Amino acid sequence: MNEPSPPHAPAQTPAPAARARGRAFTTRDGRRLRLRPLRPDDVEALKRGFARLTPDQVRQRTFHRMNELTDEAAQRFAHVDAATAAAYVVVDDDGELHGEARLHVTPTGESAEFALIVDPQMLGIGIGGALMRRLFTEARRRGLRELWGTVLADNSLMLDFSSQLGARREMIADEPDLVRVRFDLARRARGSRRQSPTA
């Protein structure tokens, strides 16, 4: 049985339904999409989204080749442990996923590893940038100092995209095919304040 709310309890804003629907935004080519947290009921949409990826995108995201996202894997991806991770998706009005980004907090609690994927038919229209900005916001909310990811050295699209967002690159010892990209969240915050006309 639910206990009644205290008489002066502040109203919850936004409402849970609004949070579930996410934030609407317009892409560079004029599409109206929504960015929201990934939900457990996104399993089938995750599988359909995976099926739209190119073989190279699958290899670049998973570091090996996969023909399909199994139901078991989709269930695992769709159930996010909020204590150590966060995941966000960009969806259209039909609930189809056109981009996904997630972070996993490292055991030290000071940084998180991130991953990002965008529908190959919707590259270059702002979906990736919207998802990364949401990850930056979530990482700062958790008090993290850094967001980092491991990228295949031949994934020039992701490396260039990360550099445009302010990441620094570093080679990984004994892993010539991999590059580490790192976002200093404190430096990004300082840069944002300098660029803003109001504090």
N, C-alpha and C. Protein backbone atom coordinates (compact mmCIF):
# COMPACT_ATOMS: atom_id res chain seq x y z
N MET A 1 0.85 -1.19 0.00
CA MET A 1 0.00 0.00 0.00
C MET A 1 0.88 1.24 0.00
N ASN A 2 0.58 2.21 -0.87
CA ASN A 2 1.37 3.42 -0.95
C ASN A 2 0.99 4.38 0.15
N GLU A 3 2.02 5.00 0.76
CA GLU A 3 1.75 6.00 1.78
C GLU A 3 1.41 7.32 1.10
N PRO A 4 0.52 8.14 1.71
CA PRO A 4 0.19 9.43 1.11
C PRO A 4 1.40 10.35 1.13
N SER A 5 1.47 11.23 0.14
CA SER A 5 2.57 12.18 0.07
C SER A 5 2.43 13.20 1.19
N PRO A 6 3.54 13.70 1.72
CA PRO A 6 3.47 14.76 2.73
C PRO A 6 2.75 15.96 2.16
N PRO A 7 2.03 16.73 2.98
CA PRO A 7 1.23 17.83 2.47
C PRO A 7 2.01 18.85 1.68
N HIS A 8 3.28 19.08 2.04
CA HIS A 8 4.05 20.11 1.37
C HIS A 8 5.15 19.53 0.50
N ALA A 9 5.01 18.28 0.08
CA ALA A 9 6.03 17.66 -0.76
C ALA A 9 6.08 18.38 -2.11
N PRO A 10 7.29 18.72 -2.61
CA PRO A 10 7.37 19.42 -3.89
C PRO A 10 6.92 18.52 -5.02
N ALA A 11 6.31 19.11 -6.02
CA ALA A 11 5.88 18.35 -7.19
C ALA A 11 7.09 17.84 -7.95
N GLN A 12 6.98 16.65 -8.50
CA GLN A 12 8.07 16.07 -9.29
C GLN A 12 8.01 16.65 -10.69
N THR A 13 9.11 17.27 -11.12
CA THR A 13 9.18 17.81 -12.48
C THR A 13 10.53 17.43 -13.08
N PRO A 14 10.56 16.92 -14.32
CA PRO A 14 9.36 16.59 -15.08
C PRO A 14 8.70 15.31 -14.55
N ALA A 15 7.44 15.11 -14.94
CA ALA A 15 6.72 13.91 -14.52
C ALA A 15 7.38 12.68 -15.11
N PRO A 16 7.19 11.50 -14.45
CA PRO A 16 7.81 10.28 -14.98
C PRO A 16 7.46 10.02 -16.44
N ALA A 17 6.21 10.29 -16.84
CA ALA A 17 5.83 10.04 -18.23
C ALA A 17 6.62 10.94 -19.17
N ALA A 18 6.84 12.21 -18.74
CA ALA A 18 7.60 13.12 -19.58
C ALA A 18 9.06 12.68 -19.69
N ARG A 19 9.61 12.23 -18.54
CA ARG A 19 10.99 11.75 -18.59
C ARG A 19 11.11 10.55 -19.52
N ALA A 20 10.11 9.67 -19.50
CA ALA A 20 10.16 8.48 -20.33
C ALA A 20 10.10 8.85 -21.81
N ARG A 21 9.36 9.91 -22.14
CA ARG A 21 9.25 10.32 -23.54
C ARG A 21 10.51 11.01 -24.01
N GLY A 22 11.26 11.62 -23.10
CA GLY A 22 12.51 12.24 -23.46
C GLY A 22 12.36 13.66 -23.97
N ARG A 23 13.43 14.15 -24.58
CA ARG A 23 13.50 15.52 -25.05
C ARG A 23 13.45 15.54 -26.58
N ALA A 24 12.56 16.36 -27.12
CA ALA A 24 12.45 16.47 -28.57
C ALA A 24 13.55 17.38 -29.11
N PHE A 25 14.07 17.06 -30.28
CA PHE A 25 15.02 17.94 -30.95
C PHE A 25 14.89 17.75 -32.46
N THR A 26 15.36 18.74 -33.19
CA THR A 26 15.28 18.72 -34.65
C THR A 26 16.68 18.50 -35.22
N THR A 27 16.82 17.56 -36.12
CA THR A 27 18.11 17.28 -36.73
C THR A 27 18.44 18.34 -37.78
N ARG A 28 19.66 18.31 -38.27
CA ARG A 28 20.08 19.31 -39.26
C ARG A 28 19.27 19.24 -40.54
N ASP A 29 18.72 18.08 -40.85
CA ASP A 29 17.92 17.96 -42.06
C ASP A 29 16.42 18.08 -41.78
N GLY A 30 16.07 18.55 -40.58
CA GLY A 30 14.68 18.87 -40.29
C GLY A 30 13.83 17.77 -39.69
N ARG A 31 14.41 16.64 -39.34
CA ARG A 31 13.63 15.56 -38.74
C ARG A 31 13.39 15.86 -37.26
N ARG A 32 12.21 15.52 -36.80
CA ARG A 32 11.85 15.71 -35.40
C ARG A 32 12.00 14.37 -34.68
N LEU A 33 12.94 14.30 -33.76
CA LEU A 33 13.22 13.07 -33.03
C LEU A 33 13.19 13.35 -31.54
N ARG A 34 13.31 12.27 -30.75
CA ARG A 34 13.35 12.41 -29.30
C ARG A 34 14.56 11.66 -28.74
N LEU A 35 15.16 12.25 -27.72
CA LEU A 35 16.27 11.61 -27.02
C LEU A 35 15.77 11.26 -25.63
N ARG A 36 15.87 9.99 -25.28
CA ARG A 36 15.35 9.52 -23.99
C ARG A 36 16.21 8.39 -23.46
N PRO A 37 16.02 8.03 -22.18
CA PRO A 37 16.74 6.88 -21.64
C PRO A 37 16.30 5.58 -22.33
N LEU A 38 17.22 4.67 -22.48
CA LEU A 38 16.90 3.33 -22.98
C LEU A 38 16.01 2.65 -21.96
N ARG A 39 14.99 1.88 -22.44
CA ARG A 39 14.04 1.22 -21.55
C ARG A 39 14.10 -0.30 -21.75
N PRO A 40 13.69 -1.07 -20.73
CA PRO A 40 13.67 -2.52 -20.88
C PRO A 40 12.77 -3.01 -22.02
N ASP A 41 11.75 -2.21 -22.38
CA ASP A 41 10.87 -2.65 -23.47
C ASP A 41 11.40 -2.28 -24.85
N ASP A 42 12.65 -1.82 -24.92
CA ASP A 42 13.27 -1.48 -26.21
C ASP A 42 13.97 -2.68 -26.86
N VAL A 43 13.78 -3.86 -26.33
CA VAL A 43 14.50 -5.04 -26.82
C VAL A 43 14.32 -5.23 -28.32
N GLU A 44 13.10 -5.27 -28.80
CA GLU A 44 12.87 -5.52 -30.22
C GLU A 44 13.39 -4.37 -31.08
N ALA A 45 13.24 -3.14 -30.59
CA ALA A 45 13.75 -1.99 -31.33
C ALA A 45 15.28 -2.04 -31.40
N LEU A 46 15.94 -2.49 -30.34
CA LEU A 46 17.39 -2.66 -30.37
C LEU A 46 17.79 -3.67 -31.45
N LYS A 47 17.07 -4.76 -31.54
CA LYS A 47 17.39 -5.78 -32.53
C LYS A 47 17.19 -5.25 -33.95
N ARG A 48 16.10 -4.49 -34.17
CA ARG A 48 15.87 -3.92 -35.50
C ARG A 48 16.95 -2.88 -35.84
N GLY A 49 17.32 -2.08 -34.84
CA GLY A 49 18.36 -1.09 -35.07
C GLY A 49 19.69 -1.73 -35.40
N PHE A 50 20.01 -2.82 -34.71
CA PHE A 50 21.25 -3.54 -34.98
C PHE A 50 21.25 -4.07 -36.41
N ALA A 51 20.10 -4.57 -36.87
CA ALA A 51 20.01 -5.13 -38.21
C ALA A 51 20.25 -4.09 -39.29
N ARG A 52 20.05 -2.81 -38.97
CA ARG A 52 20.28 -1.75 -39.96
C ARG A 52 21.74 -1.33 -40.04
N LEU A 53 22.56 -1.72 -39.07
CA LEU A 53 23.96 -1.34 -39.08
C LEU A 53 24.72 -2.01 -40.21
N THR A 54 25.74 -1.34 -40.72
CA THR A 54 26.59 -1.95 -41.72
C THR A 54 27.55 -2.93 -41.04
N PRO A 55 28.10 -3.89 -41.78
CA PRO A 55 29.08 -4.80 -41.18
C PRO A 55 30.26 -4.07 -40.53
N ASP A 56 30.71 -2.96 -41.16
CA ASP A 56 31.81 -2.20 -40.58
C ASP A 56 31.41 -1.55 -39.27
N GLN A 57 30.18 -1.03 -39.19
CA GLN A 57 29.72 -0.44 -37.93
C GLN A 57 29.68 -1.48 -36.81
N VAL A 58 29.21 -2.67 -37.14
CA VAL A 58 29.16 -3.73 -36.13
C VAL A 58 30.57 -4.05 -35.64
N ARG A 59 31.51 -4.19 -36.57
CA ARG A 59 32.89 -4.49 -36.19
C ARG A 59 33.49 -3.36 -35.35
N GLN A 60 33.20 -2.12 -35.73
CA GLN A 60 33.76 -1.00 -35.00
C GLN A 60 33.16 -0.84 -33.61
N ARG A 61 31.92 -1.27 -33.45
CA ARG A 61 31.28 -1.17 -32.13
C ARG A 61 31.65 -2.35 -31.25
N THR A 62 31.65 -3.56 -31.80
CA THR A 62 31.86 -4.76 -30.98
C THR A 62 33.28 -5.31 -31.05
N PHE A 63 34.08 -4.81 -32.02
CA PHE A 63 35.45 -5.27 -32.27
C PHE A 63 35.50 -6.68 -32.85
N HIS A 64 34.34 -7.20 -33.24
CA HIS A 64 34.32 -8.45 -33.99
C HIS A 64 33.04 -8.48 -34.82
N ARG A 65 32.91 -9.45 -35.67
CA ARG A 65 31.76 -9.48 -36.58
C ARG A 65 30.61 -10.27 -35.95
N MET A 66 29.42 -9.73 -36.09
CA MET A 66 28.20 -10.38 -35.60
C MET A 66 27.13 -10.24 -36.68
N ASN A 67 26.40 -11.31 -36.91
CA ASN A 67 25.35 -11.27 -37.93
C ASN A 67 24.03 -10.71 -37.39
N GLU A 68 23.81 -10.87 -36.10
CA GLU A 68 22.57 -10.37 -35.52
C GLU A 68 22.75 -10.17 -34.03
N LEU A 69 21.86 -9.36 -33.46
CA LEU A 69 21.82 -9.18 -32.02
C LEU A 69 20.81 -10.18 -31.47
N THR A 70 21.29 -11.15 -30.72
CA THR A 70 20.40 -12.18 -30.20
C THR A 70 19.44 -11.60 -29.17
N ASP A 71 18.37 -12.31 -28.92
CA ASP A 71 17.41 -11.85 -27.93
C ASP A 71 18.07 -11.75 -26.56
N GLU A 72 18.94 -12.70 -26.23
CA GLU A 72 19.62 -12.68 -24.94
C GLU A 72 20.49 -11.43 -24.81
N ALA A 73 21.24 -11.11 -25.89
CA ALA A 73 22.10 -9.93 -25.85
C ALA A 73 21.26 -8.65 -25.78
N ALA A 74 20.17 -8.60 -26.55
CA ALA A 74 19.32 -7.41 -26.53
C ALA A 74 18.70 -7.21 -25.14
N GLN A 75 18.29 -8.29 -24.51
CA GLN A 75 17.75 -8.18 -23.15
C GLN A 75 18.81 -7.62 -22.21
N ARG A 76 20.03 -8.10 -22.36
CA ARG A 76 21.11 -7.63 -21.49
C ARG A 76 21.40 -6.15 -21.72
N PHE A 77 21.43 -5.72 -22.98
CA PHE A 77 21.69 -4.32 -23.29
C PHE A 77 20.57 -3.41 -22.80
N ALA A 78 19.32 -3.91 -22.86
CA ALA A 78 18.17 -3.07 -22.53
C ALA A 78 17.98 -2.89 -21.03
N HIS A 79 18.57 -3.76 -20.23
CA HIS A 79 18.43 -3.64 -18.78
C HIS A 79 19.71 -3.03 -18.22
N VAL A 80 19.63 -1.77 -17.87
CA VAL A 80 20.79 -0.99 -17.46
C VAL A 80 20.80 -0.84 -15.94
N ASP A 81 21.93 -1.15 -15.32
CA ASP A 81 22.09 -0.96 -13.89
C ASP A 81 22.38 0.52 -13.64
N ALA A 82 21.38 1.24 -13.14
CA ALA A 82 21.53 2.69 -12.98
C ALA A 82 22.62 3.08 -12.00
N ALA A 83 23.03 2.16 -11.15
CA ALA A 83 24.09 2.47 -10.18
C ALA A 83 25.44 2.63 -10.85
N THR A 84 25.64 1.92 -11.95
CA THR A 84 26.97 1.93 -12.57
C THR A 84 26.93 2.29 -14.05
N ALA A 85 25.77 2.52 -14.61
CA ALA A 85 25.69 2.75 -16.05
C ALA A 85 24.51 3.64 -16.40
N ALA A 86 24.52 4.13 -17.63
CA ALA A 86 23.40 4.90 -18.18
C ALA A 86 23.39 4.67 -19.68
N ALA A 87 22.22 4.67 -20.28
CA ALA A 87 22.10 4.47 -21.72
C ALA A 87 20.96 5.33 -22.25
N TYR A 88 21.20 5.93 -23.41
CA TYR A 88 20.22 6.82 -24.03
C TYR A 88 20.06 6.46 -25.50
N VAL A 89 18.86 6.71 -26.01
CA VAL A 89 18.58 6.42 -27.40
C VAL A 89 17.89 7.61 -28.05
N VAL A 90 18.02 7.69 -29.37
CA VAL A 90 17.26 8.65 -30.16
C VAL A 90 16.22 7.85 -30.95
N VAL A 91 14.96 8.27 -30.83
CA VAL A 91 13.86 7.52 -31.45
C VAL A 91 13.00 8.44 -32.29
N ASP A 92 12.29 7.84 -33.25
CA ASP A 92 11.31 8.60 -34.02
C ASP A 92 9.92 8.38 -33.44
N ASP A 93 8.91 8.91 -34.10
CA ASP A 93 7.55 8.81 -33.57
C ASP A 93 7.03 7.38 -33.52
N ASP A 94 7.63 6.50 -34.30
CA ASP A 94 7.22 5.09 -34.29
C ASP A 94 7.98 4.26 -33.27
N GLY A 95 8.88 4.91 -32.52
CA GLY A 95 9.65 4.18 -31.53
C GLY A 95 10.87 3.47 -32.07
N GLU A 96 11.22 3.73 -33.35
CA GLU A 96 12.41 3.11 -33.93
C GLU A 96 13.66 3.82 -33.42
N LEU A 97 14.69 3.04 -33.08
CA LEU A 97 15.93 3.60 -32.55
C LEU A 97 16.86 3.97 -33.70
N HIS A 98 17.37 5.21 -33.66
CA HIS A 98 18.29 5.68 -34.70
C HIS A 98 19.64 6.09 -34.13
N GLY A 99 19.85 5.86 -32.87
CA GLY A 99 21.14 6.12 -32.24
C GLY A 99 21.09 5.67 -30.80
N GLU A 100 22.24 5.25 -30.31
CA GLU A 100 22.32 4.79 -28.92
C GLU A 100 23.68 5.12 -28.35
N ALA A 101 23.71 5.57 -27.10
CA ALA A 101 24.97 5.86 -26.41
C ALA A 101 24.84 5.42 -24.97
N ARG A 102 25.93 4.95 -24.41
CA ARG A 102 25.90 4.50 -23.03
C ARG A 102 27.24 4.74 -22.38
N LEU A 103 27.21 4.78 -21.06
CA LEU A 103 28.45 4.87 -20.29
C LEU A 103 28.42 3.85 -19.17
N HIS A 104 29.61 3.38 -18.81
CA HIS A 104 29.79 2.45 -17.69
C HIS A 104 30.86 3.04 -16.78
N VAL A 105 30.50 3.28 -15.55
CA VAL A 105 31.42 3.87 -14.58
C VAL A 105 32.49 2.85 -14.21
N THR A 106 33.74 3.28 -14.19
CA THR A 106 34.84 2.39 -13.83
C THR A 106 34.84 2.16 -12.32
N PRO A 107 35.51 1.10 -11.85
CA PRO A 107 35.51 0.80 -10.41
C PRO A 107 36.01 1.93 -9.53
N THR A 108 36.90 2.80 -10.05
CA THR A 108 37.40 3.91 -9.23
C THR A 108 36.32 4.95 -8.97
N GLY A 109 35.29 4.97 -9.80
CA GLY A 109 34.22 5.95 -9.64
C GLY A 109 34.56 7.33 -10.12
N GLU A 110 35.70 7.48 -10.81
CA GLU A 110 36.12 8.81 -11.27
C GLU A 110 35.94 9.01 -12.78
N SER A 111 35.75 7.94 -13.52
CA SER A 111 35.62 8.04 -14.96
C SER A 111 34.63 6.99 -15.45
N ALA A 112 34.28 7.09 -16.72
CA ALA A 112 33.37 6.11 -17.32
C ALA A 112 33.78 5.86 -18.76
N GLU A 113 33.60 4.62 -19.19
CA GLU A 113 33.81 4.27 -20.59
C GLU A 113 32.51 4.50 -21.33
N PHE A 114 32.61 5.03 -22.55
CA PHE A 114 31.40 5.29 -23.32
C PHE A 114 31.41 4.50 -24.63
N ALA A 115 30.23 4.32 -25.21
CA ALA A 115 30.07 3.71 -26.52
C ALA A 115 28.95 4.45 -27.24
N LEU A 116 29.06 4.55 -28.55
CA LEU A 116 28.10 5.31 -29.34
C LEU A 116 27.90 4.63 -30.69
N ILE A 117 26.66 4.60 -31.16
CA ILE A 117 26.36 4.08 -32.50
C ILE A 117 25.18 4.87 -33.06
N VAL A 118 25.23 5.14 -34.38
CA VAL A 118 24.18 5.90 -35.05
C VAL A 118 23.74 5.15 -36.29
N ASP A 119 22.45 5.17 -36.56
CA ASP A 119 21.87 4.57 -37.77
C ASP A 119 22.65 5.04 -39.00
N PRO A 120 23.14 4.12 -39.82
CA PRO A 120 23.96 4.52 -40.98
C PRO A 120 23.23 5.42 -41.96
N GLN A 121 21.90 5.38 -41.96
CA GLN A 121 21.13 6.25 -42.85
C GLN A 121 20.95 7.66 -42.27
N MET A 122 21.44 7.88 -41.04
CA MET A 122 21.21 9.17 -40.39
C MET A 122 22.51 9.75 -39.84
N LEU A 123 23.62 9.43 -40.45
CA LEU A 123 24.90 9.99 -40.03
C LEU A 123 25.00 11.45 -40.48
N GLY A 124 25.66 12.26 -39.65
CA GLY A 124 25.95 13.63 -40.04
C GLY A 124 24.83 14.62 -39.87
N ILE A 125 23.76 14.27 -39.15
CA ILE A 125 22.64 15.20 -38.99
C ILE A 125 22.45 15.62 -37.53
N GLY A 126 23.40 15.28 -36.66
CA GLY A 126 23.37 15.76 -35.28
C GLY A 126 22.96 14.76 -34.22
N ILE A 127 22.66 13.52 -34.61
CA ILE A 127 22.23 12.53 -33.63
C ILE A 127 23.37 12.17 -32.68
N GLY A 128 24.56 11.93 -33.24
CA GLY A 128 25.70 11.57 -32.41
C GLY A 128 26.06 12.68 -31.42
N GLY A 129 26.03 13.92 -31.90
CA GLY A 129 26.35 15.04 -31.02
C GLY A 129 25.34 15.18 -29.89
N ALA A 130 24.05 14.99 -30.20
CA ALA A 130 23.02 15.08 -29.17
C ALA A 130 23.22 14.01 -28.11
N LEU A 131 23.53 12.80 -28.54
CA LEU A 131 23.75 11.71 -27.60
C LEU A 131 24.99 11.94 -26.74
N MET A 132 26.07 12.42 -27.34
CA MET A 132 27.28 12.66 -26.56
C MET A 132 27.07 13.78 -25.55
N ARG A 133 26.36 14.83 -25.93
CA ARG A 133 26.10 15.90 -24.96
C ARG A 133 25.29 15.38 -23.78
N ARG A 134 24.38 14.45 -24.07
CA ARG A 134 23.60 13.85 -22.96
C ARG A 134 24.51 13.02 -22.06
N LEU A 135 25.47 12.30 -22.64
CA LEU A 135 26.41 11.54 -21.82
C LEU A 135 27.27 12.47 -20.98
N PHE A 136 27.72 13.60 -21.56
CA PHE A 136 28.53 14.55 -20.79
C PHE A 136 27.74 15.06 -19.59
N THR A 137 26.47 15.38 -19.81
CA THR A 137 25.63 15.87 -18.72
C THR A 137 25.48 14.82 -17.63
N GLU A 138 25.22 13.58 -18.03
CA GLU A 138 25.06 12.51 -17.05
C GLU A 138 26.36 12.24 -16.30
N ALA A 139 27.48 12.27 -17.01
CA ALA A 139 28.77 12.03 -16.37
C ALA A 139 29.07 13.10 -15.33
N ARG A 140 28.79 14.35 -15.68
CA ARG A 140 29.02 15.43 -14.70
C ARG A 140 28.07 15.31 -13.51
N ARG A 141 26.82 14.90 -13.78
CA ARG A 141 25.87 14.71 -12.68
C ARG A 141 26.39 13.69 -11.68
N ARG A 142 27.09 12.69 -12.18
CA ARG A 142 27.65 11.65 -11.31
C ARG A 142 28.98 12.06 -10.68
N GLY A 143 29.45 13.25 -11.00
CA GLY A 143 30.71 13.71 -10.44
C GLY A 143 31.94 13.10 -11.08
N LEU A 144 31.81 12.62 -12.30
CA LEU A 144 32.94 12.00 -12.99
C LEU A 144 33.88 13.06 -13.56
N ARG A 145 35.14 12.70 -13.64
CA ARG A 145 36.14 13.63 -14.17
C ARG A 145 36.41 13.40 -15.66
N GLU A 146 36.14 12.19 -16.12
CA GLU A 146 36.55 11.86 -17.49
C GLU A 146 35.60 10.85 -18.11
N LEU A 147 35.41 11.00 -19.41
CA LEU A 147 34.69 10.03 -20.22
C LEU A 147 35.66 9.55 -21.28
N TRP A 148 35.78 8.24 -21.44
CA TRP A 148 36.76 7.73 -22.40
C TRP A 148 36.18 6.55 -23.17
N GLY A 149 36.77 6.31 -24.34
CA GLY A 149 36.34 5.20 -25.16
C GLY A 149 37.50 4.62 -25.94
N THR A 150 37.37 3.38 -26.34
CA THR A 150 38.37 2.70 -27.15
C THR A 150 37.84 2.58 -28.57
N VAL A 151 38.63 3.05 -29.53
CA VAL A 151 38.20 3.14 -30.92
C VAL A 151 39.21 2.41 -31.80
N LEU A 152 38.70 1.67 -32.79
CA LEU A 152 39.61 1.06 -33.75
C LEU A 152 40.34 2.15 -34.53
N ALA A 153 41.63 1.93 -34.76
CA ALA A 153 42.46 2.95 -35.42
C ALA A 153 41.97 3.28 -36.82
N ASP A 154 41.27 2.35 -37.47
CA ASP A 154 40.77 2.62 -38.82
C ASP A 154 39.38 3.26 -38.82
N ASN A 155 38.84 3.55 -37.65
CA ASN A 155 37.53 4.18 -37.55
C ASN A 155 37.70 5.70 -37.57
N SER A 156 38.06 6.22 -38.74
CA SER A 156 38.36 7.65 -38.85
C SER A 156 37.15 8.51 -38.55
N LEU A 157 35.95 8.03 -38.87
CA LEU A 157 34.74 8.81 -38.61
C LEU A 157 34.59 9.09 -37.12
N MET A 158 34.74 8.06 -36.29
CA MET A 158 34.59 8.24 -34.85
C MET A 158 35.75 9.04 -34.27
N LEU A 159 36.95 8.82 -34.76
CA LEU A 159 38.10 9.57 -34.26
C LEU A 159 37.96 11.05 -34.57
N ASP A 160 37.55 11.38 -35.79
CA ASP A 160 37.37 12.79 -36.16
C ASP A 160 36.23 13.41 -35.37
N PHE A 161 35.13 12.66 -35.22
CA PHE A 161 33.98 13.15 -34.45
C PHE A 161 34.39 13.45 -33.01
N SER A 162 35.14 12.55 -32.39
CA SER A 162 35.58 12.76 -31.01
C SER A 162 36.49 13.98 -30.90
N SER A 163 37.38 14.14 -31.87
CA SER A 163 38.27 15.31 -31.84
C SER A 163 37.49 16.61 -31.96
N GLN A 164 36.46 16.62 -32.80
CA GLN A 164 35.64 17.81 -32.95
C GLN A 164 34.93 18.18 -31.64
N LEU A 165 34.64 17.18 -30.82
CA LEU A 165 33.99 17.43 -29.53
C LEU A 165 35.00 17.73 -28.42
N GLY A 166 36.28 17.71 -28.75
CA GLY A 166 37.30 18.09 -27.77
C GLY A 166 38.06 16.96 -27.13
N ALA A 167 37.95 15.74 -27.65
CA ALA A 167 38.68 14.61 -27.06
C ALA A 167 40.16 14.67 -27.44
N ARG A 168 40.98 14.16 -26.57
CA ARG A 168 42.38 13.95 -26.93
C ARG A 168 42.58 12.47 -27.21
N ARG A 169 43.51 12.17 -28.10
CA ARG A 169 43.77 10.78 -28.48
C ARG A 169 45.07 10.30 -27.86
N GLU A 170 45.13 9.00 -27.61
CA GLU A 170 46.39 8.40 -27.17
C GLU A 170 46.45 6.97 -27.66
N MET A 171 47.61 6.54 -28.02
CA MET A 171 47.81 5.16 -28.44
C MET A 171 47.80 4.25 -27.21
N ILE A 172 47.45 3.00 -27.43
CA ILE A 172 47.40 2.02 -26.34
C ILE A 172 48.58 1.07 -26.49
N ALA A 173 49.36 0.94 -25.45
CA ALA A 173 50.55 0.10 -25.49
C ALA A 173 50.21 -1.32 -25.93
N ASP A 174 50.98 -1.84 -26.88
CA ASP A 174 50.83 -3.21 -27.38
C ASP A 174 49.50 -3.45 -28.11
N GLU A 175 48.77 -2.37 -28.44
CA GLU A 175 47.51 -2.49 -29.18
C GLU A 175 47.52 -1.49 -30.34
N PRO A 176 48.33 -1.75 -31.37
CA PRO A 176 48.47 -0.77 -32.45
C PRO A 176 47.18 -0.52 -33.25
N ASP A 177 46.22 -1.42 -33.14
CA ASP A 177 44.97 -1.26 -33.88
C ASP A 177 43.93 -0.46 -33.11
N LEU A 178 44.26 -0.02 -31.88
CA LEU A 178 43.29 0.67 -31.04
C LEU A 178 43.79 2.06 -30.64
N VAL A 179 42.85 2.97 -30.45
CA VAL A 179 43.15 4.33 -29.99
C VAL A 179 42.21 4.64 -28.83
N ARG A 180 42.73 5.27 -27.79
CA ARG A 180 41.91 5.71 -26.67
C ARG A 180 41.56 7.18 -26.88
N VAL A 181 40.30 7.53 -26.78
CA VAL A 181 39.88 8.93 -26.82
C VAL A 181 39.38 9.31 -25.44
N ARG A 182 39.79 10.49 -24.97
CA ARG A 182 39.46 10.91 -23.61
C ARG A 182 38.87 12.32 -23.61
N PHE A 183 37.77 12.47 -22.89
CA PHE A 183 37.14 13.77 -22.69
C PHE A 183 37.36 14.21 -21.25
N ASP A 184 38.04 15.33 -21.07
CA ASP A 184 38.23 15.93 -19.75
C ASP A 184 36.98 16.74 -19.45
N LEU A 185 36.13 16.27 -18.55
CA LEU A 185 34.84 16.90 -18.31
C LEU A 185 34.98 18.27 -17.65
N ALA A 186 35.96 18.43 -16.79
CA ALA A 186 36.17 19.73 -16.15
C ALA A 186 36.59 20.76 -17.19
N ARG A 187 37.48 20.37 -18.11
CA ARG A 187 37.93 21.29 -19.15
C ARG A 187 36.79 21.66 -20.08
N ARG A 188 35.92 20.65 -20.41
CA ARG A 188 34.77 20.94 -21.26
C ARG A 188 33.84 21.93 -20.59
N ALA A 189 33.64 21.78 -19.28
CA ALA A 189 32.74 22.68 -18.55
C ALA A 189 33.30 24.10 -18.55
N ARG A 190 34.62 24.23 -18.37
CA ARG A 190 35.23 25.57 -18.39
C ARG A 190 35.08 26.20 -19.76
N GLY A 191 35.26 25.38 -20.80
CA GLY A 191 35.13 25.89 -22.16
C GLY A 191 33.72 26.35 -22.46
N SER A 192 32.73 25.59 -21.97
CA SER A 192 31.33 25.95 -22.19
C SER A 192 31.00 27.27 -21.51
N ARG A 193 31.54 27.49 -20.30
CA ARG A 193 31.27 28.74 -19.59
C ARG A 193 31.90 29.92 -20.32
N ARG A 194 33.10 29.74 -20.89
CA ARG A 194 33.74 30.84 -21.61
C ARG A 194 32.96 31.20 -22.87
N GLN A 195 32.38 30.17 -23.53
CA GLN A 195 31.66 30.43 -24.76
C GLN A 195 30.28 31.03 -24.52
N SER A 196 29.72 30.83 -23.32
CA SER A 196 28.39 31.30 -23.03
C SER A 196 28.41 32.79 -22.65
N PRO A 197 27.48 33.63 -23.20
CA PRO A 197 27.47 35.03 -22.85
C PRO A 197 26.99 35.28 -21.43
N THR A 198 26.30 34.30 -20.84
CA THR A 198 25.86 34.41 -19.46
C THR A 198 26.36 33.24 -18.66
N ALA A 199 26.69 33.46 -17.42
CA ALA A 199 27.25 32.39 -16.58
C ALA A 199 26.19 31.37 -16.28
